[in-house]
Amino acid sequence: MNHARHSVAREMRLVTLVLVTLVLSWANWSSADGLPDPGMDIVPGRTALVVTDPQNDFLSPKGVTWGVVGKNVERNGTVANLDALFAAAKRVDMPVFVSPHYYYPHDHRWKMEGALEALMHSLGMFDRQDALSLEGFEGSGADWLPRYKKYINDGQTVVTSPHKVYGPESNDLVLQLRKAGIDKVVLAGMSANLCTESHMRELMEQGFEVMVVPDATAAAQLPDWDGFAAATTNFRMIANHVAPTKDAVNAISAAHARAHSVVSSSGASDLASH
């Protein structure tokens, strides 16, 4: 009997020790909001900036969605923050991928649509004349916001085939990233709870590490629906890390400075050895 009691006591102490260890580990790993923050290290050569839909229909006051996204775009500073991310990536030769949204005449013949697909089609959002023609494209709602053209049209940015609903399952983004040796993504763009969130989800499912930059996104906000609040909840719960633009820009710069320092030190050591 005594042996049994001692055995039970030992097991209880072991269970208590394990629970205490888990609680302490959780406390050390979780952030102020109670969720873990695994983080994402930016590694030059393996990390890319991915931007969804940096187009006029979302980001210009003349765009067809400005009436529902404009206030959130302005509040977040989305236009300037996307510019800052593009500029930071280009300064250090970080690969940049743009996943655009285009609709052609044949897309308007779909037999079924979700709620916002139907709305986008009714507004003529992202419309182009033809998949093989740029007639009428310049300055249209489907065109890039003018301030981003110097980054996107530089001959280095990869513009993927268009996604058709929200996620990259229908385009070649994942293939292009894999072929470029990319396994980490800094993600931003429009619209937060639609294309940006859908890209985050699929990239996570595909095994990429994803850092989302919420203030370089925005979403529709209506009296009964807040797309940005929905997106930021899911960004935090799903992505490896969430960071404001300032922190993301600093992380990009710091990562490449470290890599340059390592290369320089290695070169100096090689010279010294000879």
C-alpha atoms as a PDB file:
ATOM      1  CA  MET A   1       0.000   0.000   0.000  1.00  0.00           C
ATOM      2  CA  ASN A   2       2.791   2.401   0.977  1.00  0.00           C
ATOM      3  CA  HIS A   3       4.608   1.555  -2.232  1.00  0.00           C
ATOM      4  CA  ALA A   4       1.478   2.372  -4.253  1.00  0.00           C
ATOM      5  CA  ARG A   5       1.033   5.693  -2.436  1.00  0.00           C
ATOM      6  CA  HIS A   6       4.682   6.627  -3.031  1.00  0.00           C
ATOM      7  CA  SER A   7       4.332   5.678  -6.688  1.00  0.00           C
ATOM      8  CA  VAL A   8       1.244   7.865  -7.103  1.00  0.00           C
ATOM      9  CA  ALA A   9       2.984  10.729  -5.306  1.00  0.00           C
ATOM     10  CA  ARG A  10       5.988  10.479  -7.643  1.00  0.00           C
ATOM     11  CA  GLU A  11       3.709  10.506 -10.672  1.00  0.00           C
ATOM     12  CA  MET A  12       1.858  13.555  -9.361  1.00  0.00           C
ATOM     13  CA  ARG A  13       5.141  15.396  -8.780  1.00  0.00           C
ATOM     14  CA  LEU A  14       6.249  14.505 -12.305  1.00  0.00           C
ATOM     15  CA  VAL A  15       2.969  15.733 -13.788  1.00  0.00           C
ATOM     16  CA  THR A  16       3.236  18.950 -11.771  1.00  0.00           C
ATOM     17  CA  LEU A  17       6.810  19.477 -12.963  1.00  0.00           C
ATOM     18  CA  VAL A  18       5.799  18.961 -16.566  1.00  0.00           C
ATOM     19  CA  LEU A  19       2.879  21.390 -16.244  1.00  0.00           C
ATOM     20  CA  VAL A  20       5.049  24.031 -14.592  1.00  0.00           C
ATOM     21  CA  THR A  21       7.655  23.630 -17.343  1.00  0.00           C
ATOM     22  CA  LEU A  22       4.990  24.009 -20.031  1.00  0.00           C
ATOM     23  CA  VAL A  23       3.522  27.092 -18.387  1.00  0.00           C
ATOM     24  CA  LEU A  24       6.945  28.716 -18.056  1.00  0.00           C
ATOM     25  CA  SER A  25       7.800  27.832 -21.651  1.00  0.00           C
ATOM     26  CA  TRP A  26       4.506  29.309 -22.845  1.00  0.00           C
ATOM     27  CA  ALA A  27       5.099  32.482 -20.825  1.00  0.00           C
ATOM     28  CA  ASN A  28       8.545  32.908 -22.344  1.00  0.00           C
ATOM     29  CA  TRP A  29       7.332  32.181 -25.882  1.00  0.00           C
ATOM     30  CA  SER A  30       4.040  34.064 -25.998  1.00  0.00           C
ATOM     31  CA  SER A  31       3.669  37.804 -26.502  1.00  0.00           C
ATOM     32  CA  ALA A  32       1.536  40.335 -24.675  1.00  0.00           C
ATOM     33  CA  ASP A  33      -1.601  39.226 -26.517  1.00  0.00           C
ATOM     34  CA  GLY A  34      -1.227  35.662 -25.257  1.00  0.00           C
ATOM     35  CA  LEU A  35      -0.315  34.128 -28.617  1.00  0.00           C
ATOM     36  CA  PRO A  36       3.076  32.717 -29.583  1.00  0.00           C
ATOM     37  CA  ASP A  37       5.149  34.839 -31.936  1.00  0.00           C
ATOM     38  CA  PRO A  38       7.424  32.442 -33.818  1.00  0.00           C
ATOM     39  CA  GLY A  39       8.980  35.340 -35.732  1.00  0.00           C
ATOM     40  CA  MET A  40      10.634  35.221 -39.135  1.00  0.00           C
ATOM     41  CA  ASP A  41      14.282  35.869 -39.850  1.00  0.00           C
ATOM     42  CA  ILE A  42      14.897  37.582 -43.177  1.00  0.00           C
ATOM     43  CA  VAL A  43      17.609  35.691 -45.022  1.00  0.00           C
ATOM     44  CA  PRO A  44      19.010  37.301 -48.185  1.00  0.00           C
ATOM     45  CA  GLY A  45      18.594  35.026 -51.185  1.00  0.00           C
ATOM     46  CA  ARG A  46      15.748  33.120 -49.539  1.00  0.00           C
ATOM     47  CA  THR A  47      13.351  35.964 -48.733  1.00  0.00           C
ATOM     48  CA  ALA A  48      11.142  37.923 -51.131  1.00  0.00           C
ATOM     49  CA  LEU A  49       8.672  40.776 -50.938  1.00  0.00           C
ATOM     50  CA  VAL A  50       5.275  39.727 -52.315  1.00  0.00           C
ATOM     51  CA  VAL A  51       2.690  42.425 -53.037  1.00  0.00           C
ATOM     52  CA  THR A  52      -0.892  41.678 -54.003  1.00  0.00           C
ATOM     53  CA  ASP A  53      -2.956  44.005 -56.200  1.00  0.00           C
ATOM     54  CA  PRO A  54      -1.020  47.315 -56.026  1.00  0.00           C
ATOM     55  CA  GLN A  55      -3.519  48.654 -58.549  1.00  0.00           C
ATOM     56  CA  ASN A  56      -5.540  51.816 -59.115  1.00  0.00           C
ATOM     57  CA  ASP A  57      -8.943  50.287 -58.437  1.00  0.00           C
ATOM     58  CA  PHE A  58      -7.883  49.686 -54.835  1.00  0.00           C
ATOM     59  CA  LEU A  59      -5.376  52.437 -54.100  1.00  0.00           C
ATOM     60  CA  SER A  60      -6.357  55.473 -56.146  1.00  0.00           C
ATOM     61  CA  PRO A  61      -9.117  57.896 -55.125  1.00  0.00           C
ATOM     62  CA  LYS A  62     -10.365  57.373 -58.692  1.00  0.00           C
ATOM     63  CA  GLY A  63     -10.561  53.593 -58.205  1.00  0.00           C
ATOM     64  CA  VAL A  64     -13.942  51.890 -58.210  1.00  0.00           C
ATOM     65  CA  THR A  65     -13.574  50.652 -54.606  1.00  0.00           C
ATOM     66  CA  TRP A  66     -12.332  53.878 -53.046  1.00  0.00           C
ATOM     67  CA  GLY A  67     -15.701  54.581 -51.492  1.00  0.00           C
ATOM     68  CA  VAL A  68     -15.372  51.539 -49.206  1.00  0.00           C
ATOM     69  CA  VAL A  69     -11.583  51.150 -48.853  1.00  0.00           C
ATOM     70  CA  GLY A  70     -10.406  54.746 -49.043  1.00  0.00           C
ATOM     71  CA  LYS A  71     -10.725  55.656 -45.374  1.00  0.00           C
ATOM     72  CA  ASN A  72      -8.804  52.564 -44.302  1.00  0.00           C
ATOM     73  CA  VAL A  73      -6.116  53.156 -46.957  1.00  0.00           C
ATOM     74  CA  GLU A  74      -5.631  56.686 -45.664  1.00  0.00           C
ATOM     75  CA  ARG A  75      -5.776  55.732 -41.972  1.00  0.00           C
ATOM     76  CA  ASN A  76      -3.153  53.000 -42.402  1.00  0.00           C
ATOM     77  CA  GLY A  77      -0.947  55.051 -44.695  1.00  0.00           C
ATOM     78  CA  THR A  78      -1.110  52.058 -47.030  1.00  0.00           C
ATOM     79  CA  VAL A  79       0.086  53.845 -50.185  1.00  0.00           C
ATOM     80  CA  ALA A  80       3.187  55.304 -48.531  1.00  0.00           C
ATOM     81  CA  ASN A  81       3.905  52.115 -46.583  1.00  0.00           C
ATOM     82  CA  LEU A  82       3.820  49.977 -49.729  1.00  0.00           C
ATOM     83  CA  ASP A  83       6.181  52.463 -51.346  1.00  0.00           C
ATOM     84  CA  ALA A  84       8.532  52.133 -48.373  1.00  0.00           C
ATOM     85  CA  LEU A  85       8.535  48.330 -48.664  1.00  0.00           C
ATOM     86  CA  PHE A  86       9.180  48.432 -52.419  1.00  0.00           C
ATOM     87  CA  ALA A  87      12.011  50.930 -51.910  1.00  0.00           C
ATOM     88  CA  ALA A  88      13.587  48.928 -49.072  1.00  0.00           C
ATOM     89  CA  ALA A  89      13.540  45.728 -51.111  1.00  0.00           C
ATOM     90  CA  LYS A  90      14.999  47.396 -54.193  1.00  0.00           C
ATOM     91  CA  ARG A  91      17.802  49.060 -52.209  1.00  0.00           C
ATOM     92  CA  VAL A  92      19.178  45.676 -51.178  1.00  0.00           C
ATOM     93  CA  ASP A  93      18.216  43.689 -54.304  1.00  0.00           C
ATOM     94  CA  MET A  94      15.615  41.624 -52.455  1.00  0.00           C
ATOM     95  CA  PRO A  95      13.472  39.761 -55.010  1.00  0.00           C
ATOM     96  CA  VAL A  96      10.053  41.362 -55.505  1.00  0.00           C
ATOM     97  CA  PHE A  97       6.992  39.503 -56.766  1.00  0.00           C
ATOM     98  CA  VAL A  98       3.675  41.122 -57.655  1.00  0.00           C
ATOM     99  CA  SER A  99       0.526  39.020 -57.849  1.00  0.00           C
ATOM    100  CA  PRO A 100      -1.987  41.096 -59.842  1.00  0.00           C
ATOM    101  CA  HIS A 101      -5.732  40.830 -60.338  1.00  0.00           C
ATOM    102  CA  TYR A 102      -7.116  41.084 -63.888  1.00  0.00           C
ATOM    103  CA  TYR A 103     -10.454  40.270 -65.433  1.00  0.00           C
ATOM    104  CA  TYR A 104     -10.911  39.679 -69.156  1.00  0.00           C
ATOM    105  CA  PRO A 105     -14.184  39.570 -71.121  1.00  0.00           C
ATOM    106  CA  HIS A 106     -14.398  35.784 -70.792  1.00  0.00           C
ATOM    107  CA  ASP A 107     -14.260  36.087 -66.988  1.00  0.00           C
ATOM    108  CA  HIS A 108     -17.542  37.975 -67.097  1.00  0.00           C
ATOM    109  CA  ARG A 109     -19.211  34.883 -68.507  1.00  0.00           C
ATOM    110  CA  TRP A 110     -18.731  32.816 -65.336  1.00  0.00           C
ATOM    111  CA  LYS A 111     -21.817  30.848 -64.353  1.00  0.00           C
ATOM    112  CA  MET A 112     -21.360  31.316 -60.595  1.00  0.00           C
ATOM    113  CA  GLU A 113     -19.802  33.941 -58.349  1.00  0.00           C
ATOM    114  CA  GLY A 114     -19.307  34.676 -54.677  1.00  0.00           C
ATOM    115  CA  ALA A 115     -20.661  37.887 -53.173  1.00  0.00           C
ATOM    116  CA  LEU A 116     -17.638  40.088 -53.789  1.00  0.00           C
ATOM    117  CA  GLU A 117     -16.802  38.463 -57.126  1.00  0.00           C
ATOM    118  CA  ALA A 118     -20.245  39.531 -58.304  1.00  0.00           C
ATOM    119  CA  LEU A 119     -19.615  43.033 -56.962  1.00  0.00           C
ATOM    120  CA  MET A 120     -16.187  43.319 -58.602  1.00  0.00           C
ATOM    121  CA  HIS A 121     -17.565  42.214 -61.954  1.00  0.00           C
ATOM    122  CA  SER A 122     -20.506  44.594 -61.732  1.00  0.00           C
ATOM    123  CA  LEU A 123     -18.094  47.482 -61.063  1.00  0.00           C
ATOM    124  CA  GLY A 124     -15.789  46.540 -63.945  1.00  0.00           C
ATOM    125  CA  MET A 125     -12.984  46.184 -61.421  1.00  0.00           C
ATOM    126  CA  PHE A 126      -9.536  45.263 -62.817  1.00  0.00           C
ATOM    127  CA  ASP A 127     -11.013  44.921 -66.311  1.00  0.00           C
ATOM    128  CA  ARG A 128      -8.715  44.511 -69.300  1.00  0.00           C
ATOM    129  CA  GLN A 129      -9.615  44.301 -72.954  1.00  0.00           C
ATOM    130  CA  ASP A 130      -7.786  41.055 -73.607  1.00  0.00           C
ATOM    131  CA  ALA A 131      -5.183  38.765 -72.056  1.00  0.00           C
ATOM    132  CA  LEU A 132      -2.780  39.492 -74.934  1.00  0.00           C
ATOM    133  CA  SER A 133      -3.448  43.215 -75.336  1.00  0.00           C
ATOM    134  CA  LEU A 134      -2.567  46.309 -73.301  1.00  0.00           C
ATOM    135  CA  GLU A 135      -5.053  48.455 -75.191  1.00  0.00           C
ATOM    136  CA  GLY A 136      -6.692  50.783 -72.687  1.00  0.00           C
ATOM    137  CA  PHE A 137      -4.537  49.468 -69.830  1.00  0.00           C
ATOM    138  CA  GLU A 138      -2.442  52.579 -69.158  1.00  0.00           C
ATOM    139  CA  GLY A 139      -4.055  54.568 -66.368  1.00  0.00           C
ATOM    140  CA  SER A 140      -6.982  52.161 -66.026  1.00  0.00           C
ATOM    141  CA  GLY A 141      -8.210  50.669 -62.777  1.00  0.00           C
ATOM    142  CA  ALA A 142      -6.168  47.547 -63.542  1.00  0.00           C
ATOM    143  CA  ASP A 143      -2.933  49.528 -63.967  1.00  0.00           C
ATOM    144  CA  TRP A 144      -0.354  49.966 -61.211  1.00  0.00           C
ATOM    145  CA  LEU A 145      -0.606  52.978 -58.979  1.00  0.00           C
ATOM    146  CA  PRO A 146       1.745  55.434 -60.781  1.00  0.00           C
ATOM    147  CA  ARG A 147       4.198  55.829 -57.897  1.00  0.00           C
ATOM    148  CA  TYR A 148       4.913  52.070 -57.938  1.00  0.00           C
ATOM    149  CA  LYS A 149       5.726  51.800 -61.645  1.00  0.00           C
ATOM    150  CA  LYS A 150       9.412  52.585 -61.138  1.00  0.00           C
ATOM    151  CA  TYR A 151       9.643  49.527 -58.903  1.00  0.00           C
ATOM    152  CA  ILE A 152       7.413  47.119 -60.820  1.00  0.00           C
ATOM    153  CA  ASN A 153       8.486  48.024 -64.369  1.00  0.00           C
ATOM    154  CA  ASP A 154      12.228  47.923 -63.667  1.00  0.00           C
ATOM    155  CA  GLY A 155      12.836  44.640 -65.485  1.00  0.00           C
ATOM    156  CA  GLN A 156      13.639  42.819 -62.237  1.00  0.00           C
ATOM    157  CA  THR A 157      10.270  42.508 -60.480  1.00  0.00           C
ATOM    158  CA  VAL A 158       8.427  39.266 -61.227  1.00  0.00           C
ATOM    159  CA  VAL A 159       4.821  39.951 -62.203  1.00  0.00           C
ATOM    160  CA  THR A 160       2.998  36.652 -61.979  1.00  0.00           C
ATOM    161  CA  SER A 161       0.003  35.575 -63.977  1.00  0.00           C
ATOM    162  CA  PRO A 162      -3.186  37.030 -62.475  1.00  0.00           C
ATOM    163  CA  HIS A 163      -5.048  35.429 -59.623  1.00  0.00           C
ATOM    164  CA  LYS A 164      -8.723  35.250 -60.417  1.00  0.00           C
ATOM    165  CA  VAL A 165     -10.630  35.109 -57.152  1.00  0.00           C
ATOM    166  CA  TYR A 166      -8.461  35.847 -54.100  1.00  0.00           C
ATOM    167  CA  GLY A 167      -5.653  33.334 -53.604  1.00  0.00           C
ATOM    168  CA  PRO A 168      -2.579  32.288 -55.630  1.00  0.00           C
ATOM    169  CA  GLU A 169      -3.962  28.811 -56.290  1.00  0.00           C
ATOM    170  CA  SER A 170      -5.063  30.054 -59.724  1.00  0.00           C
ATOM    171  CA  ASN A 171      -1.767  31.698 -60.721  1.00  0.00           C
ATOM    172  CA  ASP A 172       1.940  30.831 -60.854  1.00  0.00           C
ATOM    173  CA  LEU A 173       3.188  32.709 -57.775  1.00  0.00           C
ATOM    174  CA  VAL A 174       4.184  29.606 -55.806  1.00  0.00           C
ATOM    175  CA  LEU A 175       6.002  28.156 -58.818  1.00  0.00           C
ATOM    176  CA  GLN A 176       7.879  31.404 -59.414  1.00  0.00           C
ATOM    177  CA  LEU A 177       8.903  31.627 -55.755  1.00  0.00           C
ATOM    178  CA  ARG A 178      10.087  28.005 -55.695  1.00  0.00           C
ATOM    179  CA  LYS A 179      12.052  28.431 -58.921  1.00  0.00           C
ATOM    180  CA  ALA A 180      13.766  31.486 -57.423  1.00  0.00           C
ATOM    181  CA  GLY A 181      14.782  29.559 -54.296  1.00  0.00           C
ATOM    182  CA  ILE A 182      12.468  31.563 -52.052  1.00  0.00           C
ATOM    183  CA  ASP A 183      11.023  30.011 -48.887  1.00  0.00           C
ATOM    184  CA  LYS A 184      10.329  33.170 -46.846  1.00  0.00           C
ATOM    185  CA  VAL A 185       7.900  35.940 -47.785  1.00  0.00           C
ATOM    186  CA  VAL A 186       7.238  39.479 -46.584  1.00  0.00           C
ATOM    187  CA  LEU A 187       3.614  39.976 -47.617  1.00  0.00           C
ATOM    188  CA  ALA A 188       1.659  43.194 -48.202  1.00  0.00           C
ATOM    189  CA  GLY A 189      -0.859  44.690 -50.609  1.00  0.00           C
ATOM    190  CA  MET A 190      -4.574  44.742 -51.202  1.00  0.00           C
ATOM    191  CA  SER A 191      -7.112  43.850 -50.077  1.00  0.00           C
ATOM    192  CA  ALA A 192      -6.313  42.768 -46.540  1.00  0.00           C
ATOM    193  CA  ASN A 193      -9.093  40.269 -45.852  1.00  0.00           C
ATOM    194  CA  LEU A 194      -9.411  39.047 -49.432  1.00  0.00           C
ATOM    195  CA  CYS A 195      -6.375  38.648 -51.673  1.00  0.00           C
ATOM    196  CA  THR A 196      -3.687  39.389 -49.081  1.00  0.00           C
ATOM    197  CA  GLU A 197      -5.141  37.031 -46.487  1.00  0.00           C
ATOM    198  CA  SER A 198      -5.815  34.346 -49.103  1.00  0.00           C
ATOM    199  CA  HIS A 199      -2.217  34.578 -50.292  1.00  0.00           C
ATOM    200  CA  MET A 200      -1.001  34.304 -46.690  1.00  0.00           C
ATOM    201  CA  ARG A 201      -3.083  31.192 -46.114  1.00  0.00           C
ATOM    202  CA  GLU A 202      -1.947  29.406 -49.265  1.00  0.00           C
ATOM    203  CA  LEU A 203       1.706  30.322 -48.793  1.00  0.00           C
ATOM    204  CA  MET A 204       1.572  28.961 -45.249  1.00  0.00           C
ATOM    205  CA  GLU A 205      -0.069  25.765 -46.537  1.00  0.00           C
ATOM    206  CA  GLN A 206       2.698  25.488 -49.126  1.00  0.00           C
ATOM    207  CA  GLY A 207       5.372  25.554 -46.431  1.00  0.00           C
ATOM    208  CA  PHE A 208       6.607  29.137 -46.772  1.00  0.00           C
ATOM    209  CA  GLU A 209       7.393  31.318 -43.779  1.00  0.00           C
ATOM    210  CA  VAL A 210       5.270  34.468 -43.955  1.00  0.00           C
ATOM    211  CA  MET A 211       5.630  37.869 -42.337  1.00  0.00           C
ATOM    212  CA  VAL A 212       2.570  40.058 -42.937  1.00  0.00           C
ATOM    213  CA  VAL A 213       2.782  43.853 -42.836  1.00  0.00           C
ATOM    214  CA  PRO A 214      -0.763  44.954 -41.891  1.00  0.00           C
ATOM    215  CA  ASP A 215      -0.311  48.714 -42.253  1.00  0.00           C
ATOM    216  CA  ALA A 216       0.802  48.107 -45.849  1.00  0.00           C
ATOM    217  CA  THR A 217      -2.656  46.641 -46.484  1.00  0.00           C
ATOM    218  CA  ALA A 218      -6.221  47.925 -46.135  1.00  0.00           C
ATOM    219  CA  ALA A 219      -9.746  46.615 -46.629  1.00  0.00           C
ATOM    220  CA  ALA A 220     -13.356  47.558 -47.146  1.00  0.00           C
ATOM    221  CA  GLN A 221     -15.115  48.891 -44.075  1.00  0.00           C
ATOM    222  CA  LEU A 222     -18.906  49.064 -44.060  1.00  0.00           C
ATOM    223  CA  PRO A 223     -21.393  49.771 -41.263  1.00  0.00           C
ATOM    224  CA  ASP A 224     -21.868  46.071 -40.526  1.00  0.00           C
ATOM    225  CA  TRP A 225     -18.600  44.648 -41.859  1.00  0.00           C
ATOM    226  CA  ASP A 226     -14.970  45.475 -41.103  1.00  0.00           C
ATOM    227  CA  GLY A 227     -12.677  43.670 -43.503  1.00  0.00           C
ATOM    228  CA  PHE A 228      -9.505  45.066 -41.943  1.00  0.00           C
ATOM    229  CA  ALA A 229     -10.390  43.890 -38.423  1.00  0.00           C
ATOM    230  CA  ALA A 230     -11.161  40.436 -39.798  1.00  0.00           C
ATOM    231  CA  ALA A 231      -7.837  40.323 -41.637  1.00  0.00           C
ATOM    232  CA  THR A 232      -5.645  41.492 -38.771  1.00  0.00           C
ATOM    233  CA  THR A 233      -7.139  38.833 -36.503  1.00  0.00           C
ATOM    234  CA  ASN A 234      -6.258  36.120 -38.989  1.00  0.00           C
ATOM    235  CA  PHE A 235      -2.835  37.582 -39.814  1.00  0.00           C
ATOM    236  CA  ARG A 236      -1.916  37.327 -36.135  1.00  0.00           C
ATOM    237  CA  MET A 237      -3.331  33.840 -35.686  1.00  0.00           C
ATOM    238  CA  ILE A 238      -1.875  32.288 -38.857  1.00  0.00           C
ATOM    239  CA  ALA A 239       1.298  34.043 -40.045  1.00  0.00           C
ATOM    240  CA  ASN A 240       4.758  33.369 -38.633  1.00  0.00           C
ATOM    241  CA  HIS A 241       5.091  37.024 -37.749  1.00  0.00           C
ATOM    242  CA  VAL A 242       3.237  40.324 -38.076  1.00  0.00           C
ATOM    243  CA  ALA A 243       5.159  43.601 -38.220  1.00  0.00           C
ATOM    244  CA  PRO A 244       4.440  47.255 -39.035  1.00  0.00           C
ATOM    245  CA  THR A 245       6.107  48.760 -42.075  1.00  0.00           C
ATOM    246  CA  LYS A 246       8.812  50.541 -40.090  1.00  0.00           C
ATOM    247  CA  ASP A 247       9.918  47.306 -38.429  1.00  0.00           C
ATOM    248  CA  ALA A 248       9.757  45.329 -41.680  1.00  0.00           C
ATOM    249  CA  VAL A 249      11.866  47.932 -43.498  1.00  0.00           C
ATOM    250  CA  ASN A 250      14.429  47.942 -40.674  1.00  0.00           C
ATOM    251  CA  ALA A 251      14.523  44.137 -40.664  1.00  0.00           C
ATOM    252  CA  ILE A 252      15.136  44.038 -44.429  1.00  0.00           C
ATOM    253  CA  SER A 253      17.967  46.557 -44.166  1.00  0.00           C
ATOM    254  CA  ALA A 254      19.523  44.913 -41.110  1.00  0.00           C
ATOM    255  CA  ALA A 255      19.461  41.426 -42.636  1.00  0.00           C
ATOM    256  CA  HIS A 256      21.294  42.570 -45.737  1.00  0.00           C
ATOM    257  CA  ALA A 257      23.768  44.625 -43.727  1.00  0.00           C
ATOM    258  CA  ARG A 258      24.609  41.514 -41.684  1.00  0.00           C
ATOM    259  CA  ALA A 259      25.003  39.438 -44.820  1.00  0.00           C
ATOM    260  CA  HIS A 260      27.270  42.055 -46.377  1.00  0.00           C
ATOM    261  CA  SER A 261      29.347  42.194 -43.196  1.00  0.00           C
ATOM    262  CA  VAL A 262      29.772  38.417 -43.186  1.00  0.00           C
ATOM    263  CA  VAL A 263      30.831  38.419 -46.836  1.00  0.00           C
ATOM    264  CA  SER A 264      33.279  41.284 -46.240  1.00  0.00           C
ATOM    265  CA  SER A 265      34.778  39.571 -43.200  1.00  0.00           C
ATOM    266  CA  SER A 266      35.114  36.313 -45.100  1.00  0.00           C
ATOM    267  CA  GLY A 267      36.850  38.109 -47.970  1.00  0.00           C
ATOM    268  CA  ALA A 268      39.258  39.835 -45.601  1.00  0.00           C
ATOM    269  CA  SER A 269      40.076  36.525 -43.910  1.00  0.00           C
ATOM    270  CA  ASP A 270      40.782  34.893 -47.274  1.00  0.00           C
ATOM    271  CA  LEU A 271      43.137  37.724 -48.230  1.00  0.00           C
ATOM    272  CA  ALA A 272      44.910  37.517 -44.883  1.00  0.00           C
ATOM    273  CA  SER A 273      45.423  33.790 -45.256  1.00  0.00           C
ATOM    274  CA  HIS A 274      47.220  34.333 -48.531  1.00  0.00           C
END
